[in-house]
Amino acid sequence: MAIFFKSTPIINTAKDLFEEALKTDPATISQPSVEAAKKAEEIARSARGSFSWGRLAVAIVLLLGILIAAIYTAQNDKLVDLYKLLLHSFELILGAVVGLLTGEAISR
C-alpha cells in the first residue's frame, strides 16, 4: 500500500480498455498497432499513479510540530526527558518519511 502515491489498480483500467477494444469493430481501425500502443500507454499511465501532495504536507506539519515541541522543551531543565523523547521521535519519523518517499518513488 502506497502512502505518498495514489494509483488505481491495473486490473480495473485494463478491464475497461479490453472491454472497449472488444466492442470496437475491427474494420473501423486503420492502424491496429498504433491503437494498441495508445491503450498500452493508458494502462502504464494509470499504473504509475500520482503523487499526493496533501499527504506529504501532513507529514511535514507533523514533523514541524514535533520539532517545535522539542525545541520548546529543550529550554526547560525540568523537561529534559521529554526533550530526549521528542528529539528521538523526530528522528524516527523523519527517517520513516524519507524512507517511504524514496522507496515509493523508486518502485514507480
PDB file of N, CA and C in Angstrom:
ATOM      1  N   MET A   1       0.837  -1.177   0.000  1.00  0.00           N
ATOM      2  CA  MET A   1       0.000   0.000   0.000  1.00  0.00           C
ATOM      3  C   MET A   1       0.888   1.248   0.000  1.00  0.00           C
ATOM      4  N   ALA A   2       0.684   2.075  -0.951  1.00  0.00           N
ATOM      5  CA  ALA A   2       1.469   3.302  -1.056  1.00  0.00           C
ATOM      6  C   ALA A   2       0.875   4.395  -0.176  1.00  0.00           C
ATOM      7  N   ILE A   3       1.732   5.188   0.419  1.00  0.00           N
ATOM      8  CA  ILE A   3       1.277   6.271   1.282  1.00  0.00           C
ATOM      9  C   ILE A   3       1.330   7.602   0.551  1.00  0.00           C
ATOM     10  N   PHE A   4       2.410   7.875  -0.147  1.00  0.00           N
ATOM     11  CA  PHE A   4       2.573   9.163  -0.799  1.00  0.00           C
ATOM     12  C   PHE A   4       2.196   9.151  -2.279  1.00  0.00           C
ATOM     13  N   PHE A   5       1.873   8.002  -2.838  1.00  0.00           N
ATOM     14  CA  PHE A   5       1.450   7.895  -4.227  1.00  0.00           C
ATOM     15  C   PHE A   5       0.079   7.243  -4.288  1.00  0.00           C
ATOM     16  N   LYS A   6      -0.801   7.789  -5.127  1.00  0.00           N
ATOM     17  CA  LYS A   6      -2.131   7.229  -5.318  1.00  0.00           C
ATOM     18  C   LYS A   6      -2.204   6.644  -6.724  1.00  0.00           C
ATOM     19  N   SER A   7      -2.734   5.437  -6.828  1.00  0.00           N
ATOM     20  CA  SER A   7      -2.910   4.835  -8.146  1.00  0.00           C
ATOM     21  C   SER A   7      -4.119   3.914  -8.111  1.00  0.00           C
ATOM     22  N   THR A   8      -4.683   3.705  -9.278  1.00  0.00           N
ATOM     23  CA  THR A   8      -5.799   2.772  -9.379  1.00  0.00           C
ATOM     24  C   THR A   8      -5.235   1.393  -9.691  1.00  0.00           C
ATOM     25  N   PRO A   9      -5.918   0.353  -9.245  1.00  0.00           N
ATOM     26  CA  PRO A   9      -5.436  -0.994  -9.575  1.00  0.00           C
ATOM     27  C   PRO A   9      -5.417  -1.207 -11.087  1.00  0.00           C
ATOM     28  N   ILE A  10      -4.383  -1.840 -11.558  1.00  0.00           N
ATOM     29  CA  ILE A  10      -4.201  -2.027 -13.002  1.00  0.00           C
ATOM     30  C   ILE A  10      -5.310  -2.905 -13.585  1.00  0.00           C
ATOM     31  N   ILE A  11      -5.867  -3.778 -12.778  1.00  0.00           N
ATOM     32  CA  ILE A  11      -6.918  -4.673 -13.271  1.00  0.00           C
ATOM     33  C   ILE A  11      -8.144  -3.892 -13.715  1.00  0.00           C
ATOM     34  N   ASN A  12      -8.484  -2.832 -12.990  1.00  0.00           N
ATOM     35  CA  ASN A  12      -9.665  -2.043 -13.357  1.00  0.00           C
ATOM     36  C   ASN A  12      -9.459  -1.311 -14.680  1.00  0.00           C
ATOM     37  N   THR A  13      -8.317  -0.674 -14.823  1.00  0.00           N
ATOM     38  CA  THR A  13      -8.032   0.063 -16.056  1.00  0.00           C
ATOM     39  C   THR A  13      -7.931  -0.883 -17.244  1.00  0.00           C
ATOM     40  N   ALA A  14      -7.222  -1.991 -17.063  1.00  0.00           N
ATOM     41  CA  ALA A  14      -7.049  -2.941 -18.153  1.00  0.00           C
ATOM     42  C   ALA A  14      -8.396  -3.549 -18.554  1.00  0.00           C
ATOM     43  N   LYS A  15      -9.241  -3.864 -17.593  1.00  0.00           N
ATOM     44  CA  LYS A  15     -10.555  -4.440 -17.882  1.00  0.00           C
ATOM     45  C   LYS A  15     -11.390  -3.490 -18.736  1.00  0.00           C
ATOM     46  N   ASP A  16     -11.411  -2.226 -18.352  1.00  0.00           N
ATOM     47  CA  ASP A  16     -12.191  -1.244 -19.110  1.00  0.00           C
ATOM     48  C   ASP A  16     -11.664  -1.086 -20.538  1.00  0.00           C
ATOM     49  N   LEU A  17     -10.355  -1.023 -20.679  1.00  0.00           N
ATOM     50  CA  LEU A  17      -9.774  -0.841 -22.017  1.00  0.00           C
ATOM     51  C   LEU A  17      -9.944  -2.091 -22.884  1.00  0.00           C
ATOM     52  N   PHE A  18      -9.839  -3.275 -22.278  1.00  0.00           N
ATOM     53  CA  PHE A  18     -10.055  -4.504 -23.046  1.00  0.00           C
ATOM     54  C   PHE A  18     -11.511  -4.630 -23.475  1.00  0.00           C
ATOM     55  N   GLU A  19     -12.411  -4.246 -22.591  1.00  0.00           N
ATOM     56  CA  GLU A  19     -13.835  -4.285 -22.929  1.00  0.00           C
ATOM     57  C   GLU A  19     -14.130  -3.333 -24.091  1.00  0.00           C
ATOM     58  N   GLU A  20     -13.553  -2.156 -24.030  1.00  0.00           N
ATOM     59  CA  GLU A  20     -13.725  -1.184 -25.118  1.00  0.00           C
ATOM     60  C   GLU A  20     -13.146  -1.725 -26.424  1.00  0.00           C
ATOM     61  N   ALA A  21     -11.991  -2.374 -26.342  1.00  0.00           N
ATOM     62  CA  ALA A  21     -11.354  -2.920 -27.548  1.00  0.00           C
ATOM     63  C   ALA A  21     -12.174  -4.060 -28.139  1.00  0.00           C
ATOM     64  N   LEU A  22     -12.770  -4.876 -27.279  1.00  0.00           N
ATOM     65  CA  LEU A  22     -13.567  -5.986 -27.793  1.00  0.00           C
ATOM     66  C   LEU A  22     -14.874  -5.514 -28.427  1.00  0.00           C
ATOM     67  N   LYS A  23     -15.388  -4.385 -27.985  1.00  0.00           N
ATOM     68  CA  LYS A  23     -16.628  -3.846 -28.552  1.00  0.00           C
ATOM     69  C   LYS A  23     -16.389  -3.101 -29.866  1.00  0.00           C
ATOM     70  N   THR A  24     -15.150  -2.706 -30.118  1.00  0.00           N
ATOM     71  CA  THR A  24     -14.833  -1.935 -31.319  1.00  0.00           C
ATOM     72  C   THR A  24     -14.796  -2.851 -32.544  1.00  0.00           C
ATOM     73  N   ASP A  25     -15.381  -2.382 -33.606  1.00  0.00           N
ATOM     74  CA  ASP A  25     -15.383  -3.132 -34.862  1.00  0.00           C
ATOM     75  C   ASP A  25     -13.980  -3.048 -35.485  1.00  0.00           C
ATOM     76  N   PRO A  26     -13.360  -4.189 -35.778  1.00  0.00           N
ATOM     77  CA  PRO A  26     -12.000  -4.169 -36.337  1.00  0.00           C
ATOM     78  C   PRO A  26     -11.910  -3.443 -37.679  1.00  0.00           C
ATOM     79  N   ALA A  27     -13.002  -3.377 -38.413  1.00  0.00           N
ATOM     80  CA  ALA A  27     -12.961  -2.717 -39.729  1.00  0.00           C
ATOM     81  C   ALA A  27     -12.796  -1.207 -39.597  1.00  0.00           C
ATOM     82  N   THR A  28     -13.153  -0.651 -38.439  1.00  0.00           N
ATOM     83  CA  THR A  28     -13.061   0.805 -38.256  1.00  0.00           C
ATOM     84  C   THR A  28     -11.668   1.262 -37.849  1.00  0.00           C
ATOM     85  N   ILE A  29     -10.788   0.344 -37.491  1.00  0.00           N
ATOM     86  CA  ILE A  29      -9.439   0.697 -37.050  1.00  0.00           C
ATOM     87  C   ILE A  29      -8.486   0.567 -38.235  1.00  0.00           C
ATOM     88  N   SER A  30      -7.877   1.691 -38.596  1.00  0.00           N
ATOM     89  CA  SER A  30      -6.989   1.678 -39.762  1.00  0.00           C
ATOM     90  C   SER A  30      -5.583   1.192 -39.408  1.00  0.00           C
ATOM     91  N   GLN A  31      -5.083   1.552 -38.202  1.00  0.00           N
ATOM     92  CA  GLN A  31      -3.746   1.145 -37.773  1.00  0.00           C
ATOM     93  C   GLN A  31      -3.839   0.464 -36.397  1.00  0.00           C
ATOM     94  N   PRO A  32      -3.974  -0.848 -36.369  1.00  0.00           N
ATOM     95  CA  PRO A  32      -4.133  -1.556 -35.093  1.00  0.00           C
ATOM     96  C   PRO A  32      -2.927  -1.411 -34.160  1.00  0.00           C
ATOM     97  N   SER A  33      -1.730  -1.334 -34.708  1.00  0.00           N
ATOM     98  CA  SER A  33      -0.539  -1.237 -33.854  1.00  0.00           C
ATOM     99  C   SER A  33      -0.500   0.105 -33.125  1.00  0.00           C
ATOM    100  N   VAL A  34      -0.911   1.177 -33.790  1.00  0.00           N
ATOM    101  CA  VAL A  34      -0.933   2.499 -33.162  1.00  0.00           C
ATOM    102  C   VAL A  34      -1.991   2.535 -32.062  1.00  0.00           C
ATOM    103  N   GLU A  35      -3.150   1.958 -32.356  1.00  0.00           N
ATOM    104  CA  GLU A  35      -4.237   1.920 -31.368  1.00  0.00           C
ATOM    105  C   GLU A  35      -3.829   1.076 -30.159  1.00  0.00           C
ATOM    106  N   ALA A  36      -3.141  -0.039 -30.395  1.00  0.00           N
ATOM    107  CA  ALA A  36      -2.674  -0.881 -29.292  1.00  0.00           C
ATOM    108  C   ALA A  36      -1.640  -0.150 -28.442  1.00  0.00           C
ATOM    109  N   ALA A  37      -0.776   0.622 -29.082  1.00  0.00           N
ATOM    110  CA  ALA A  37       0.227   1.393 -28.335  1.00  0.00           C
ATOM    111  C   ALA A  37      -0.440   2.453 -27.460  1.00  0.00           C
ATOM    112  N   LYS A  38      -1.501   3.084 -27.958  1.00  0.00           N
ATOM    113  CA  LYS A  38      -2.232   4.077 -27.160  1.00  0.00           C
ATOM    114  C   LYS A  38      -2.855   3.431 -25.926  1.00  0.00           C
ATOM    115  N   LYS A  39      -3.470   2.262 -26.125  1.00  0.00           N
ATOM    116  CA  LYS A  39      -4.112   1.558 -24.997  1.00  0.00           C
ATOM    117  C   LYS A  39      -3.067   1.109 -23.980  1.00  0.00           C
ATOM    118  N   ALA A  40      -1.927   0.643 -24.456  1.00  0.00           N
ATOM    119  CA  ALA A  40      -0.863   0.215 -23.543  1.00  0.00           C
ATOM    120  C   ALA A  40      -0.331   1.393 -22.745  1.00  0.00           C
ATOM    121  N   GLU A  41      -0.218   2.548 -23.380  1.00  0.00           N
ATOM    122  CA  GLU A  41       0.242   3.746 -22.682  1.00  0.00           C
ATOM    123  C   GLU A  41      -0.766   4.176 -21.614  1.00  0.00           C
ATOM    124  N   GLU A  42      -2.051   4.052 -21.898  1.00  0.00           N
ATOM    125  CA  GLU A  42      -3.077   4.368 -20.906  1.00  0.00           C
ATOM    126  C   GLU A  42      -2.974   3.459 -19.685  1.00  0.00           C
ATOM    127  N   ILE A  43      -2.738   2.180 -19.927  1.00  0.00           N
ATOM    128  CA  ILE A  43      -2.587   1.234 -18.814  1.00  0.00           C
ATOM    129  C   ILE A  43      -1.339   1.570 -18.000  1.00  0.00           C
ATOM    130  N   ALA A  44      -0.237   1.863 -18.667  1.00  0.00           N
ATOM    131  CA  ALA A  44       1.005   2.195 -17.960  1.00  0.00           C
ATOM    132  C   ALA A  44       0.851   3.477 -17.156  1.00  0.00           C
ATOM    133  N   ARG A  45       0.172   4.477 -17.702  1.00  0.00           N
ATOM    134  CA  ARG A  45      -0.033   5.748 -17.003  1.00  0.00           C
ATOM    135  C   ARG A  45      -0.885   5.557 -15.744  1.00  0.00           C
ATOM    136  N   SER A  46      -1.903   4.733 -15.835  1.00  0.00           N
ATOM    137  CA  SER A  46      -2.750   4.521 -14.658  1.00  0.00           C
ATOM    138  C   SER A  46      -2.035   3.708 -13.590  1.00  0.00           C
ATOM    139  N   ALA A  47      -1.123   2.836 -13.985  1.00  0.00           N
ATOM    140  CA  ALA A  47      -0.383   2.030 -13.009  1.00  0.00           C
ATOM    141  C   ALA A  47       0.668   2.855 -12.280  1.00  0.00           C
ATOM    142  N   ARG A  48       1.209   3.885 -12.948  1.00  0.00           N
ATOM    143  CA  ARG A  48       2.214   4.741 -12.324  1.00  0.00           C
ATOM    144  C   ARG A  48       1.653   5.515 -11.146  1.00  0.00           C
ATOM    145  N   GLY A  49       0.476   6.026 -11.284  1.00  0.00           N
ATOM    146  CA  GLY A  49      -0.134   6.785 -10.199  1.00  0.00           C
ATOM    147  C   GLY A  49       0.314   8.224 -10.171  1.00  0.00           C
ATOM    148  N   SER A  50      -0.134   8.921  -9.140  1.00  0.00           N
ATOM    149  CA  SER A  50       0.212  10.332  -8.997  1.00  0.00           C
ATOM    150  C   SER A  50       0.644  10.606  -7.564  1.00  0.00           C
ATOM    151  N   PHE A  51       1.451  11.626  -7.413  1.00  0.00           N
ATOM    152  CA  PHE A  51       1.978  11.979  -6.101  1.00  0.00           C
ATOM    153  C   PHE A  51       0.910  12.711  -5.298  1.00  0.00           C
ATOM    154  N   SER A  52       0.779  12.372  -4.015  1.00  0.00           N
ATOM    155  CA  SER A  52      -0.208  13.005  -3.136  1.00  0.00           C
ATOM    156  C   SER A  52       0.479  14.083  -2.301  1.00  0.00           C
ATOM    157  N   TRP A  53       0.355  15.328  -2.754  1.00  0.00           N
ATOM    158  CA  TRP A  53       0.987  16.446  -2.055  1.00  0.00           C
ATOM    159  C   TRP A  53       0.354  16.683  -0.694  1.00  0.00           C
ATOM    160  N   GLY A  54      -0.928  16.399  -0.560  1.00  0.00           N
ATOM    161  CA  GLY A  54      -1.607  16.599   0.719  1.00  0.00           C
ATOM    162  C   GLY A  54      -1.041  15.709   1.813  1.00  0.00           C
ATOM    163  N   ARG A  55      -0.751  14.470   1.478  1.00  0.00           N
ATOM    164  CA  ARG A  55      -0.179  13.554   2.462  1.00  0.00           C
ATOM    165  C   ARG A  55       1.227  13.973   2.862  1.00  0.00           C
ATOM    166  N   LEU A  56       1.987  14.485   1.899  1.00  0.00           N
ATOM    167  CA  LEU A  56       3.315  14.989   2.221  1.00  0.00           C
ATOM    168  C   LEU A  56       3.213  16.211   3.125  1.00  0.00           C
ATOM    169  N   ALA A  57       2.252  17.073   2.866  1.00  0.00           N
ATOM    170  CA  ALA A  57       2.068  18.264   3.703  1.00  0.00           C
ATOM    171  C   ALA A  57       1.719  17.870   5.140  1.00  0.00           C
ATOM    172  N   VAL A  58       0.876  16.859   5.318  1.00  0.00           N
ATOM    173  CA  VAL A  58       0.522  16.390   6.667  1.00  0.00           C
ATOM    174  C   VAL A  58       1.762  15.846   7.368  1.00  0.00           C
ATOM    175  N   ALA A  59       2.589  15.100   6.650  1.00  0.00           N
ATOM    176  CA  ALA A  59       3.815  14.561   7.246  1.00  0.00           C
ATOM    177  C   ALA A  59       4.763  15.681   7.663  1.00  0.00           C
ATOM    178  N   ILE A  60       4.882  16.706   6.836  1.00  0.00           N
ATOM    179  CA  ILE A  60       5.772  17.827   7.159  1.00  0.00           C
ATOM    180  C   ILE A  60       5.246  18.608   8.360  1.00  0.00           C
ATOM    181  N   VAL A  61       3.925  18.817   8.418  1.00  0.00           N
ATOM    182  CA  VAL A  61       3.335  19.520   9.565  1.00  0.00           C
ATOM    183  C   VAL A  61       3.562  18.726  10.847  1.00  0.00           C
ATOM    184  N   LEU A  62       3.415  17.416  10.784  1.00  0.00           N
ATOM    185  CA  LEU A  62       3.671  16.564  11.951  1.00  0.00           C
ATOM    186  C   LEU A  62       5.133  16.677  12.389  1.00  0.00           C
ATOM    187  N   LEU A  63       6.027  16.633  11.426  1.00  0.00           N
ATOM    188  CA  LEU A  63       7.456  16.768  11.749  1.00  0.00           C
ATOM    189  C   LEU A  63       7.773  18.131  12.360  1.00  0.00           C
ATOM    190  N   LEU A  64       7.222  19.183  11.791  1.00  0.00           N
ATOM    191  CA  LEU A  64       7.464  20.520  12.337  1.00  0.00           C
ATOM    192  C   LEU A  64       6.892  20.668  13.742  1.00  0.00           C
ATOM    193  N   GLY A  65       5.726  20.078  13.982  1.00  0.00           N
ATOM    194  CA  GLY A  65       5.134  20.128  15.316  1.00  0.00           C
ATOM    195  C   GLY A  65       6.011  19.451  16.351  1.00  0.00           C
ATOM    196  N   ILE A  66       6.533  18.298  16.011  1.00  0.00           N
ATOM    197  CA  ILE A  66       7.415  17.586  16.938  1.00  0.00           C
ATOM    198  C   ILE A  66       8.711  18.350  17.138  1.00  0.00           C
ATOM    199  N   LEU A  67       9.256  18.921  16.078  1.00  0.00           N
ATOM    200  CA  LEU A  67      10.498  19.682  16.194  1.00  0.00           C
ATOM    201  C   LEU A  67      10.301  20.933  17.057  1.00  0.00           C
ATOM    202  N   ILE A  68       9.214  21.645  16.854  1.00  0.00           N
ATOM    203  CA  ILE A  68       8.945  22.835  17.661  1.00  0.00           C
ATOM    204  C   ILE A  68       8.743  22.460  19.125  1.00  0.00           C
ATOM    205  N   ALA A  69       8.034  21.358  19.373  1.00  0.00           N
ATOM    206  CA  ALA A  69       7.846  20.902  20.751  1.00  0.00           C
ATOM    207  C   ALA A  69       9.180  20.514  21.377  1.00  0.00           C
ATOM    208  N   ALA A  70      10.063  19.882  20.603  1.00  0.00           N
ATOM    209  CA  ALA A  70      11.378  19.503  21.128  1.00  0.00           C
ATOM    210  C   ALA A  70      12.215  20.745  21.443  1.00  0.00           C
ATOM    211  N   ILE A  71      12.164  21.737  20.587  1.00  0.00           N
ATOM    212  CA  ILE A  71      12.914  22.973  20.848  1.00  0.00           C
ATOM    213  C   ILE A  71      12.372  23.677  22.086  1.00  0.00           C
ATOM    214  N   TYR A  72      11.064  23.687  22.247  1.00  0.00           N
ATOM    215  CA  TYR A  72      10.454  24.321  23.409  1.00  0.00           C
ATOM    216  C   TYR A  72      10.854  23.614  24.712  1.00  0.00           C
ATOM    217  N   THR A  73      10.817  22.279  24.693  1.00  0.00           N
ATOM    218  CA  THR A  73      11.152  21.537  25.916  1.00  0.00           C
ATOM    219  C   THR A  73      12.640  21.596  26.226  1.00  0.00           C
ATOM    220  N   ALA A  74      13.480  21.881  25.229  1.00  0.00           N
ATOM    221  CA  ALA A  74      14.919  21.974  25.471  1.00  0.00           C
ATOM    222  C   ALA A  74      15.263  23.190  26.331  1.00  0.00           C
ATOM    223  N   GLN A  75      14.387  24.171  26.384  1.00  0.00           N
ATOM    224  CA  GLN A  75      14.655  25.394  27.136  1.00  0.00           C
ATOM    225  C   GLN A  75      14.372  25.257  28.622  1.00  0.00           C
ATOM    226  N   ASN A  76      13.696  24.189  29.022  1.00  0.00           N
ATOM    227  CA  ASN A  76      13.328  23.996  30.415  1.00  0.00           C
ATOM    228  C   ASN A  76      14.105  22.806  30.984  1.00  0.00           C
ATOM    229  N   ASP A  77      14.810  23.022  32.097  1.00  0.00           N
ATOM    230  CA  ASP A  77      15.627  21.952  32.687  1.00  0.00           C
ATOM    231  C   ASP A  77      14.780  20.801  33.222  1.00  0.00           C
ATOM    232  N   LYS A  78      13.535  21.063  33.595  1.00  0.00           N
ATOM    233  CA  LYS A  78      12.674  20.014  34.143  1.00  0.00           C
ATOM    234  C   LYS A  78      12.127  19.077  33.065  1.00  0.00           C
ATOM    235  N   LEU A  79      12.242  19.463  31.816  1.00  0.00           N
ATOM    236  CA  LEU A  79      11.677  18.680  30.723  1.00  0.00           C
ATOM    237  C   LEU A  79      12.743  17.992  29.871  1.00  0.00           C
ATOM    238  N   VAL A  80      13.875  17.673  30.474  1.00  0.00           N
ATOM    239  CA  VAL A  80      14.978  17.067  29.725  1.00  0.00           C
ATOM    240  C   VAL A  80      14.580  15.700  29.168  1.00  0.00           C
ATOM    241  N   ASP A  81      13.878  14.898  29.968  1.00  0.00           N
ATOM    242  CA  ASP A  81      13.477  13.566  29.488  1.00  0.00           C
ATOM    243  C   ASP A  81      12.477  13.679  28.331  1.00  0.00           C
ATOM    244  N   LEU A  82      11.553  14.614  28.446  1.00  0.00           N
ATOM    245  CA  LEU A  82      10.589  14.811  27.372  1.00  0.00           C
ATOM    246  C   LEU A  82      11.299  15.318  26.114  1.00  0.00           C
ATOM    247  N   TYR A  83      12.291  16.179  26.279  1.00  0.00           N
ATOM    248  CA  TYR A  83      13.072  16.674  25.148  1.00  0.00           C
ATOM    249  C   TYR A  83      13.754  15.515  24.421  1.00  0.00           C
ATOM    250  N   LYS A  84      14.353  14.621  25.171  1.00  0.00           N
ATOM    251  CA  LYS A  84      15.041  13.471  24.556  1.00  0.00           C
ATOM    252  C   LYS A  84      14.040  12.596  23.800  1.00  0.00           C
ATOM    253  N   LEU A  85      12.868  12.397  24.386  1.00  0.00           N
ATOM    254  CA  LEU A  85      11.836  11.585  23.747  1.00  0.00           C
ATOM    255  C   LEU A  85      11.342  12.242  22.451  1.00  0.00           C
ATOM    256  N   LEU A  86      11.101  13.540  22.503  1.00  0.00           N
ATOM    257  CA  LEU A  86      10.632  14.248  21.311  1.00  0.00           C
ATOM    258  C   LEU A  86      11.692  14.294  20.213  1.00  0.00           C
ATOM    259  N   LEU A  87      12.929  14.498  20.599  1.00  0.00           N
ATOM    260  CA  LEU A  87      14.004  14.534  19.611  1.00  0.00           C
ATOM    261  C   LEU A  87      14.174  13.176  18.933  1.00  0.00           C
ATOM    262  N   HIS A  88      14.089  12.117  19.711  1.00  0.00           N
ATOM    263  CA  HIS A  88      14.189  10.774  19.145  1.00  0.00           C
ATOM    264  C   HIS A  88      12.978  10.488  18.239  1.00  0.00           C
ATOM    265  N   SER A  89      11.802  10.928  18.654  1.00  0.00           N
ATOM    266  CA  SER A  89      10.608  10.746  17.821  1.00  0.00           C
ATOM    267  C   SER A  89      10.749  11.487  16.499  1.00  0.00           C
ATOM    268  N   PHE A  90      11.281  12.693  16.549  1.00  0.00           N
ATOM    269  CA  PHE A  90      11.507  13.466  15.331  1.00  0.00           C
ATOM    270  C   PHE A  90      12.454  12.719  14.391  1.00  0.00           C
ATOM    271  N   GLU A  91      13.525  12.188  14.947  1.00  0.00           N
ATOM    272  CA  GLU A  91      14.486  11.459  14.117  1.00  0.00           C
ATOM    273  C   GLU A  91      13.847  10.234  13.472  1.00  0.00           C
ATOM    274  N   LEU A  92      13.051   9.492  14.234  1.00  0.00           N
ATOM    275  CA  LEU A  92      12.418   8.286  13.702  1.00  0.00           C
ATOM    276  C   LEU A  92      11.404   8.619  12.609  1.00  0.00           C
ATOM    277  N   ILE A  93      10.572   9.615  12.853  1.00  0.00           N
ATOM    278  CA  ILE A  93       9.541   9.948  11.872  1.00  0.00           C
ATOM    279  C   ILE A  93      10.168  10.562  10.617  1.00  0.00           C
ATOM    280  N   LEU A  94      11.199  11.367  10.778  1.00  0.00           N
ATOM    281  CA  LEU A  94      11.897  11.920   9.609  1.00  0.00           C
ATOM    282  C   LEU A  94      12.484  10.791   8.769  1.00  0.00           C
ATOM    283  N   GLY A  95      13.097   9.820   9.420  1.00  0.00           N
ATOM    284  CA  GLY A  95      13.642   8.677   8.687  1.00  0.00           C
ATOM    285  C   GLY A  95      12.561   7.880   7.981  1.00  0.00           C
ATOM    286  N   ALA A  96      11.409   7.719   8.642  1.00  0.00           N
ATOM    287  CA  ALA A  96      10.305   6.982   8.030  1.00  0.00           C
ATOM    288  C   ALA A  96       9.758   7.716   6.813  1.00  0.00           C
ATOM    289  N   VAL A  97       9.585   9.015   6.921  1.00  0.00           N
ATOM    290  CA  VAL A  97       9.051   9.798   5.803  1.00  0.00           C
ATOM    291  C   VAL A  97      10.016   9.768   4.617  1.00  0.00           C
ATOM    292  N   VAL A  98      11.279   9.998   4.867  1.00  0.00           N
ATOM    293  CA  VAL A  98      12.266   9.980   3.783  1.00  0.00           C
ATOM    294  C   VAL A  98      12.362   8.577   3.179  1.00  0.00           C
ATOM    295  N   GLY A  99      12.345   7.563   4.018  1.00  0.00           N
ATOM    296  CA  GLY A  99      12.403   6.189   3.525  1.00  0.00           C
ATOM    297  C   GLY A  99      11.201   5.824   2.675  1.00  0.00           C
ATOM    298  N   LEU A 100      10.007   6.210   3.133  1.00  0.00           N
ATOM    299  CA  LEU A 100       8.810   5.922   2.348  1.00  0.00           C
ATOM    300  C   LEU A 100       8.805   6.681   1.023  1.00  0.00           C
ATOM    301  N   LEU A 101       9.200   7.935   1.065  1.00  0.00           N
ATOM    302  CA  LEU A 101       9.241   8.721  -0.178  1.00  0.00           C
ATOM    303  C   LEU A 101      10.189   8.104  -1.201  1.00  0.00           C
ATOM    304  N   THR A 102      11.383   7.795  -0.772  1.00  0.00           N
ATOM    305  CA  THR A 102      12.355   7.251  -1.722  1.00  0.00           C
ATOM    306  C   THR A 102      11.975   5.842  -2.165  1.00  0.00           C
ATOM    307  N   GLY A 103      11.486   5.036  -1.250  1.00  0.00           N
ATOM    308  CA  GLY A 103      11.088   3.675  -1.611  1.00  0.00           C
ATOM    309  C   GLY A 103       9.936   3.638  -2.605  1.00  0.00           C
ATOM    310  N   GLU A 104       8.944   4.480  -2.353  1.00  0.00           N
ATOM    311  CA  GLU A 104       7.808   4.519  -3.274  1.00  0.00           C
ATOM    312  C   GLU A 104       8.198   5.133  -4.616  1.00  0.00           C
ATOM    313  N   ALA A 105       9.053   6.136  -4.603  1.00  0.00           N
ATOM    314  CA  ALA A 105       9.488   6.751  -5.857  1.00  0.00           C
ATOM    315  C   ALA A 105      10.292   5.768  -6.700  1.00  0.00           C
ATOM    316  N   ILE A 106      11.115   4.982  -6.066  1.00  0.00           N
ATOM    317  CA  ILE A 106      11.925   4.003  -6.791  1.00  0.00           C
ATOM    318  C   ILE A 106      11.037   2.892  -7.376  1.00  0.00           C
ATOM    319  N   SER A 107      10.008   2.495  -6.638  1.00  0.00           N
ATOM    320  CA  SER A 107       9.141   1.423  -7.113  1.00  0.00           C
ATOM    321  C   SER A 107       8.259   1.859  -8.274  1.00  0.00           C
ATOM    322  N   ARG A 108       8.143   3.140  -8.504  1.00  0.00           N
ATOM    323  CA  ARG A 108       7.324   3.648  -9.620  1.00  0.00           C
ATOM    324  C   ARG A 108       8.166   3.634 -10.836  1.00  0.00           C
TER     325      ARG A 108
END
